[in-house]
Amino acid sequence: MSRSLRAAERQIYALHKSSGYLTLRSHRRKQLKHHAGLVVAALRQAEARLDSDGDAALTTLAAALLKVAERAAVGRIGALLDDEVSPELTPARDWEPFRLAVAAVLIAACAVALAFLHVPDAAQAYAVGACGVLVLTLIYGRRVQQFLDLLGSLGGK
């Protein structure tokens, strides 16, 4: 269930980008990102209650996810949850941009290091690719398959 909730969280974080309702430089973007963080924090709080409340917490979590899905479907991305989001919650942080930046920096550092090690040009591309797969695996774990599929599609496969 945790993996499914993490997938839902990624979709909630991406709603302000993929909804089609906002321009790139919209002033509403910051408010929507804040609300998405609050919704994710509320879902995580509901998930944490699964260990103590069991079926009652599962019903609450399912109802919250259903409400989020319904409201996202009709375009209410600024009101995904209302009564479940308590004022004392702090918004959950979206670490995806940071992870991607760290991965890019580490892969670039690997490429520079290989250039200084005088690796033959024929082997350098393969070594950088292997380094990239290793870095992505370390940062993303089991989700690395998504990035490898993306790389395969970029190569025309």
C-alpha atoms as a PDB file:
ATOM      1  CA  MET A   1       0.000   0.000   0.000  1.00  0.00           C
ATOM      2  CA  SER A   2       2.866   2.370   0.709  1.00  0.00           C
ATOM      3  CA  ARG A   3       4.102   2.151  -2.878  1.00  0.00           C
ATOM      4  CA  SER A   4       0.639   2.911  -4.220  1.00  0.00           C
ATOM      5  CA  LEU A   5       0.347   5.909  -1.922  1.00  0.00           C
ATOM      6  CA  ARG A   6       3.764   7.178  -3.023  1.00  0.00           C
ATOM      7  CA  ALA A   7       2.590   6.964  -6.638  1.00  0.00           C
ATOM      8  CA  ALA A   8      -0.527   8.946  -5.694  1.00  0.00           C
ATOM      9  CA  GLU A   9       1.657  11.507  -3.912  1.00  0.00           C
ATOM     10  CA  ARG A  10       3.764  12.004  -7.031  1.00  0.00           C
ATOM     11  CA  GLN A  11       0.595  12.625  -9.032  1.00  0.00           C
ATOM     12  CA  ILE A  12      -0.696  15.109  -6.452  1.00  0.00           C
ATOM     13  CA  TYR A  13       2.599  17.014  -6.514  1.00  0.00           C
ATOM     14  CA  ALA A  14       2.451  17.130 -10.319  1.00  0.00           C
ATOM     15  CA  LEU A  15      -1.170  18.319 -10.611  1.00  0.00           C
ATOM     16  CA  HIS A  16      -0.268  22.005 -10.793  1.00  0.00           C
ATOM     17  CA  LYS A  17       2.055  21.218 -13.714  1.00  0.00           C
ATOM     18  CA  SER A  18      -0.085  18.785 -15.639  1.00  0.00           C
ATOM     19  CA  SER A  19      -3.585  20.137 -15.104  1.00  0.00           C
ATOM     20  CA  GLY A  20      -3.458  22.601 -17.989  1.00  0.00           C
ATOM     21  CA  TYR A  21      -5.083  25.308 -15.862  1.00  0.00           C
ATOM     22  CA  LEU A  22      -1.958  27.318 -15.102  1.00  0.00           C
ATOM     23  CA  THR A  23       0.556  29.143 -17.187  1.00  0.00           C
ATOM     24  CA  LEU A  24       4.227  28.578 -16.471  1.00  0.00           C
ATOM     25  CA  ARG A  25       4.627  31.813 -14.484  1.00  0.00           C
ATOM     26  CA  SER A  26       1.245  31.882 -12.754  1.00  0.00           C
ATOM     27  CA  HIS A  27       1.071  33.546  -9.355  1.00  0.00           C
ATOM     28  CA  ARG A  28      -1.264  30.745  -8.180  1.00  0.00           C
ATOM     29  CA  ARG A  29       1.389  28.058  -8.609  1.00  0.00           C
ATOM     30  CA  LYS A  30       2.934  28.618  -5.151  1.00  0.00           C
ATOM     31  CA  GLN A  31      -0.446  28.332  -3.429  1.00  0.00           C
ATOM     32  CA  LEU A  32      -1.267  25.118  -5.311  1.00  0.00           C
ATOM     33  CA  LYS A  33       2.119  23.576  -4.442  1.00  0.00           C
ATOM     34  CA  HIS A  34       1.490  24.437  -0.783  1.00  0.00           C
ATOM     35  CA  HIS A  35      -1.960  22.828  -0.916  1.00  0.00           C
ATOM     36  CA  ALA A  36      -0.523  19.715  -2.575  1.00  0.00           C
ATOM     37  CA  GLY A  37       1.997  19.448   0.265  1.00  0.00           C
ATOM     38  CA  LEU A  38      -0.814  19.698   2.822  1.00  0.00           C
ATOM     39  CA  VAL A  39      -2.835  17.021   1.026  1.00  0.00           C
ATOM     40  CA  VAL A  40       0.170  14.686   0.939  1.00  0.00           C
ATOM     41  CA  ALA A  41       0.802  15.341   4.647  1.00  0.00           C
ATOM     42  CA  ALA A  42      -2.863  14.523   5.431  1.00  0.00           C
ATOM     43  CA  LEU A  43      -2.656  11.298   3.416  1.00  0.00           C
ATOM     44  CA  ARG A  44       0.548  10.315   5.217  1.00  0.00           C
ATOM     45  CA  GLN A  45      -1.124  11.013   8.551  1.00  0.00           C
ATOM     46  CA  ALA A  46      -4.066   8.813   7.537  1.00  0.00           C
ATOM     47  CA  GLU A  47      -1.634   6.104   6.435  1.00  0.00           C
ATOM     48  CA  ALA A  48       0.145   6.246   9.788  1.00  0.00           C
ATOM     49  CA  ARG A  49      -3.158   5.554  11.547  1.00  0.00           C
ATOM     50  CA  LEU A  50      -3.423   2.220   9.690  1.00  0.00           C
ATOM     51  CA  ASP A  51      -1.137   0.612  12.268  1.00  0.00           C
ATOM     52  CA  SER A  52      -3.279   1.606  15.219  1.00  0.00           C
ATOM     53  CA  ASP A  53      -6.859   1.894  13.909  1.00  0.00           C
ATOM     54  CA  GLY A  54      -6.857  -0.760  11.181  1.00  0.00           C
ATOM     55  CA  ASP A  55     -10.082  -0.970   9.192  1.00  0.00           C
ATOM     56  CA  ALA A  56     -11.439   2.389  10.360  1.00  0.00           C
ATOM     57  CA  ALA A  57      -8.269   4.133   9.205  1.00  0.00           C
ATOM     58  CA  LEU A  58      -8.367   2.244   5.902  1.00  0.00           C
ATOM     59  CA  THR A  59     -11.912   3.484   5.279  1.00  0.00           C
ATOM     60  CA  THR A  60     -10.851   7.050   6.046  1.00  0.00           C
ATOM     61  CA  LEU A  61      -7.809   6.797   3.792  1.00  0.00           C
ATOM     62  CA  ALA A  62      -9.834   5.326   0.929  1.00  0.00           C
ATOM     63  CA  ALA A  63     -12.460   8.067   1.269  1.00  0.00           C
ATOM     64  CA  ALA A  64      -9.758  10.754   1.222  1.00  0.00           C
ATOM     65  CA  LEU A  65      -8.129   9.266  -1.876  1.00  0.00           C
ATOM     66  CA  LEU A  66     -11.491   9.036  -3.612  1.00  0.00           C
ATOM     67  CA  LYS A  67     -12.233  12.676  -2.803  1.00  0.00           C
ATOM     68  CA  VAL A  68      -8.826  13.720  -4.147  1.00  0.00           C
ATOM     69  CA  ALA A  69      -9.391  11.785  -7.366  1.00  0.00           C
ATOM     70  CA  GLU A  70     -12.879  13.210  -7.896  1.00  0.00           C
ATOM     71  CA  ARG A  71     -11.799  16.780  -7.305  1.00  0.00           C
ATOM     72  CA  ALA A  72      -8.723  16.441  -9.486  1.00  0.00           C
ATOM     73  CA  ALA A  73     -10.900  15.026 -12.266  1.00  0.00           C
ATOM     74  CA  VAL A  74     -13.166  18.084 -12.245  1.00  0.00           C
ATOM     75  CA  GLY A  75     -10.256  20.517 -11.969  1.00  0.00           C
ATOM     76  CA  ARG A  76     -10.508  21.527  -8.314  1.00  0.00           C
ATOM     77  CA  ILE A  77      -6.768  21.195  -7.775  1.00  0.00           C
ATOM     78  CA  GLY A  78      -6.770  23.915  -5.111  1.00  0.00           C
ATOM     79  CA  ALA A  79      -9.366  22.093  -2.994  1.00  0.00           C
ATOM     80  CA  LEU A  80      -8.397  18.440  -3.169  1.00  0.00           C
ATOM     81  CA  LEU A  81      -9.204  17.941   0.511  1.00  0.00           C
ATOM     82  CA  ASP A  82     -10.831  20.382   2.863  1.00  0.00           C
ATOM     83  CA  ASP A  83     -12.010  18.908   6.161  1.00  0.00           C
ATOM     84  CA  GLU A  84      -9.211  16.308   6.319  1.00  0.00           C
ATOM     85  CA  VAL A  85      -6.464  18.951   6.134  1.00  0.00           C
ATOM     86  CA  SER A  86      -5.986  20.186   9.678  1.00  0.00           C
ATOM     87  CA  PRO A  87      -4.381  23.580  10.296  1.00  0.00           C
ATOM     88  CA  GLU A  88      -1.545  22.151  12.412  1.00  0.00           C
ATOM     89  CA  LEU A  89      -0.210  20.045   9.524  1.00  0.00           C
ATOM     90  CA  THR A  90       2.972  21.202   7.891  1.00  0.00           C
ATOM     91  CA  PRO A  91       3.127  20.643   4.136  1.00  0.00           C
ATOM     92  CA  ALA A  92       5.148  17.664   2.977  1.00  0.00           C
ATOM     93  CA  ARG A  93       8.114  18.604   0.832  1.00  0.00           C
ATOM     94  CA  ASP A  94       8.460  17.393  -2.745  1.00  0.00           C
ATOM     95  CA  TRP A  95      12.029  16.081  -2.999  1.00  0.00           C
ATOM     96  CA  GLU A  96      11.766  14.989  -6.639  1.00  0.00           C
ATOM     97  CA  PRO A  97      13.413  18.106  -8.185  1.00  0.00           C
ATOM     98  CA  PHE A  98      16.259  17.878  -5.654  1.00  0.00           C
ATOM     99  CA  ARG A  99      16.816  14.176  -6.388  1.00  0.00           C
ATOM    100  CA  LEU A 100      16.878  14.824 -10.108  1.00  0.00           C
ATOM    101  CA  ALA A 101      19.377  17.682  -9.694  1.00  0.00           C
ATOM    102  CA  VAL A 102      21.634  15.530  -7.504  1.00  0.00           C
ATOM    103  CA  ALA A 103      21.492  12.718 -10.057  1.00  0.00           C
ATOM    104  CA  ALA A 104      22.413  15.102 -12.884  1.00  0.00           C
ATOM    105  CA  VAL A 105      25.344  16.549 -10.918  1.00  0.00           C
ATOM    106  CA  LEU A 106      26.662  13.104  -9.971  1.00  0.00           C
ATOM    107  CA  ILE A 107      26.424  11.798 -13.530  1.00  0.00           C
ATOM    108  CA  ALA A 108      28.204  14.915 -14.834  1.00  0.00           C
ATOM    109  CA  ALA A 109      30.892  14.494 -12.165  1.00  0.00           C
ATOM    110  CA  CYS A 110      31.330  10.886 -13.256  1.00  0.00           C
ATOM    111  CA  ALA A 111      31.758  11.990 -16.877  1.00  0.00           C
ATOM    112  CA  VAL A 112      34.377  14.580 -15.869  1.00  0.00           C
ATOM    113  CA  ALA A 113      36.201  12.060 -13.688  1.00  0.00           C
ATOM    114  CA  LEU A 114      36.318   9.574 -16.561  1.00  0.00           C
ATOM    115  CA  ALA A 115      37.782  12.271 -18.824  1.00  0.00           C
ATOM    116  CA  PHE A 116      40.554  12.896 -16.290  1.00  0.00           C
ATOM    117  CA  LEU A 117      41.252   9.166 -15.993  1.00  0.00           C
ATOM    118  CA  HIS A 118      42.030   9.014 -19.728  1.00  0.00           C
ATOM    119  CA  VAL A 119      39.468   6.323 -20.470  1.00  0.00           C
ATOM    120  CA  PRO A 120      39.444   5.532 -24.204  1.00  0.00           C
ATOM    121  CA  ASP A 121      36.763   7.368 -26.143  1.00  0.00           C
ATOM    122  CA  ALA A 122      35.122   4.144 -27.278  1.00  0.00           C
ATOM    123  CA  ALA A 123      34.652   2.999 -23.685  1.00  0.00           C
ATOM    124  CA  GLN A 124      33.838   6.402 -22.213  1.00  0.00           C
ATOM    125  CA  ALA A 125      30.218   6.477 -23.409  1.00  0.00           C
ATOM    126  CA  TYR A 126      29.560   3.039 -21.937  1.00  0.00           C
ATOM    127  CA  ALA A 127      31.264   3.952 -18.668  1.00  0.00           C
ATOM    128  CA  VAL A 128      29.214   7.150 -18.313  1.00  0.00           C
ATOM    129  CA  GLY A 129      26.063   5.158 -19.067  1.00  0.00           C
ATOM    130  CA  ALA A 130      26.930   2.560 -16.445  1.00  0.00           C
ATOM    131  CA  CYS A 131      27.711   5.328 -13.968  1.00  0.00           C
ATOM    132  CA  GLY A 132      24.356   6.947 -14.754  1.00  0.00           C
ATOM    133  CA  VAL A 133      22.461   3.714 -14.152  1.00  0.00           C
ATOM    134  CA  LEU A 134      24.342   3.222 -10.874  1.00  0.00           C
ATOM    135  CA  VAL A 135      23.610   6.778  -9.683  1.00  0.00           C
ATOM    136  CA  LEU A 136      19.926   6.537 -10.617  1.00  0.00           C
ATOM    137  CA  THR A 137      19.675   3.185  -8.854  1.00  0.00           C
ATOM    138  CA  LEU A 138      21.234   4.604  -5.698  1.00  0.00           C
ATOM    139  CA  ILE A 139      18.954   7.652  -5.679  1.00  0.00           C
ATOM    140  CA  TYR A 140      15.656   6.168  -6.876  1.00  0.00           C
ATOM    141  CA  GLY A 141      15.910   2.530  -5.834  1.00  0.00           C
ATOM    142  CA  ARG A 142      13.115   0.419  -7.306  1.00  0.00           C
ATOM    143  CA  ARG A 143      11.749   3.365  -9.289  1.00  0.00           C
ATOM    144  CA  VAL A 144      14.847   3.391 -11.484  1.00  0.00           C
ATOM    145  CA  GLN A 145      12.957   1.304 -14.048  1.00  0.00           C
ATOM    146  CA  GLN A 146      10.863   4.384 -14.920  1.00  0.00           C
ATOM    147  CA  PHE A 147      13.984   6.305 -15.885  1.00  0.00           C
ATOM    148  CA  LEU A 148      15.476   3.429 -17.812  1.00  0.00           C
ATOM    149  CA  ASP A 149      12.231   3.094 -19.789  1.00  0.00           C
ATOM    150  CA  LEU A 150      12.381   6.823 -20.509  1.00  0.00           C
ATOM    151  CA  LEU A 151      15.961   6.525 -21.739  1.00  0.00           C
ATOM    152  CA  GLY A 152      14.952   3.618 -23.967  1.00  0.00           C
ATOM    153  CA  SER A 153      12.191   5.688 -25.536  1.00  0.00           C
ATOM    154  CA  LEU A 154      14.598   8.572 -26.137  1.00  0.00           C
ATOM    155  CA  GLY A 155      16.881   6.209 -28.015  1.00  0.00           C
ATOM    156  CA  GLY A 156      14.063   5.204 -30.340  1.00  0.00           C
ATOM    157  CA  LYS A 157      13.291   1.788 -28.873  1.00  0.00           C
END
